[in-house]
Amino acid sequence: MAWDVACLGANIGERDSKALAAPHVAFGAADWRVFVRRVKRGEYDLN
């Protein structure tokens, strides 16, 4: 993966995160599918 999705999980609550400001640049489609699958499994707490 271009980015380790786990690092995004640590910063998910930060609005100023550069990875979140331009996610379409930071992640490819396959990376997003992996991230969404992990969120649905409950591996990341987005609250």
C-alpha atoms as a PDB file:
ATOM      1  CA  MET A   1       0.000   0.000   0.000  1.00  0.00           C
ATOM      2  CA  ALA A   2       1.076   3.526  -0.638  1.00  0.00           C
ATOM      3  CA  TRP A   3       0.273   4.399   2.964  1.00  0.00           C
ATOM      4  CA  ASP A   4      -0.058   2.232   5.998  1.00  0.00           C
ATOM      5  CA  VAL A   5      -3.734   2.509   6.852  1.00  0.00           C
ATOM      6  CA  ALA A   6      -2.937   2.029  10.541  1.00  0.00           C
ATOM      7  CA  CYS A   7      -1.262   5.446  10.649  1.00  0.00           C
ATOM      8  CA  LEU A   8      -4.510   7.011   9.449  1.00  0.00           C
ATOM      9  CA  GLY A   9      -6.386   5.271  12.246  1.00  0.00           C
ATOM     10  CA  ALA A  10      -4.241   7.038  14.823  1.00  0.00           C
ATOM     11  CA  ASN A  11      -4.977  10.456  13.304  1.00  0.00           C
ATOM     12  CA  ILE A  12      -8.593   9.914  12.314  1.00  0.00           C
ATOM     13  CA  GLY A  13      -9.911  12.541  14.732  1.00  0.00           C
ATOM     14  CA  GLU A  14      -7.604  15.312  13.562  1.00  0.00           C
ATOM     15  CA  ARG A  15      -9.303  17.624  11.084  1.00  0.00           C
ATOM     16  CA  ASP A  16      -5.978  19.149  10.093  1.00  0.00           C
ATOM     17  CA  SER A  17      -4.429  15.844   9.077  1.00  0.00           C
ATOM     18  CA  LYS A  18      -2.943  16.180   5.606  1.00  0.00           C
ATOM     19  CA  ALA A  19      -3.924  12.600   4.808  1.00  0.00           C
ATOM     20  CA  LEU A  20      -7.560  13.453   5.529  1.00  0.00           C
ATOM     21  CA  ALA A  21      -7.433  16.828   3.789  1.00  0.00           C
ATOM     22  CA  ALA A  22      -6.710  15.153   0.440  1.00  0.00           C
ATOM     23  CA  PRO A  23      -7.552  11.458   0.818  1.00  0.00           C
ATOM     24  CA  HIS A  24      -8.032  11.005  -2.922  1.00  0.00           C
ATOM     25  CA  VAL A  25      -4.355  11.895  -3.356  1.00  0.00           C
ATOM     26  CA  ALA A  26      -3.003   9.910  -0.416  1.00  0.00           C
ATOM     27  CA  PHE A  27      -4.871   6.665  -1.136  1.00  0.00           C
ATOM     28  CA  GLY A  28      -5.658   4.603  -4.201  1.00  0.00           C
ATOM     29  CA  ALA A  29      -8.960   2.800  -4.677  1.00  0.00           C
ATOM     30  CA  ALA A  30      -7.558  -0.484  -3.342  1.00  0.00           C
ATOM     31  CA  ASP A  31      -6.248   1.256  -0.218  1.00  0.00           C
ATOM     32  CA  TRP A  32      -9.686   2.764   0.457  1.00  0.00           C
ATOM     33  CA  ARG A  33     -11.356  -0.637   0.076  1.00  0.00           C
ATOM     34  CA  VAL A  34      -8.992  -2.106   2.682  1.00  0.00           C
ATOM     35  CA  PHE A  35      -9.607   0.845   5.010  1.00  0.00           C
ATOM     36  CA  VAL A  36     -13.409   0.625   4.680  1.00  0.00           C
ATOM     37  CA  ARG A  37     -13.328  -3.128   5.257  1.00  0.00           C
ATOM     38  CA  ARG A  38     -11.312  -2.636   8.455  1.00  0.00           C
ATOM     39  CA  VAL A  39     -13.646   0.124   9.678  1.00  0.00           C
ATOM     40  CA  LYS A  40     -16.657  -2.130   9.116  1.00  0.00           C
ATOM     41  CA  ARG A  41     -14.947  -4.869  11.142  1.00  0.00           C
ATOM     42  CA  GLY A  42     -14.467  -2.410  13.992  1.00  0.00           C
ATOM     43  CA  GLU A  43     -10.676  -2.258  13.810  1.00  0.00           C
ATOM     44  CA  TYR A  44     -10.798   1.566  13.876  1.00  0.00           C
ATOM     45  CA  ASP A  45     -12.851   3.707  16.238  1.00  0.00           C
ATOM     46  CA  LEU A  46     -14.016   6.689  14.186  1.00  0.00           C
ATOM     47  CA  ASN A  47     -15.901   8.378  17.047  1.00  0.00           C
END
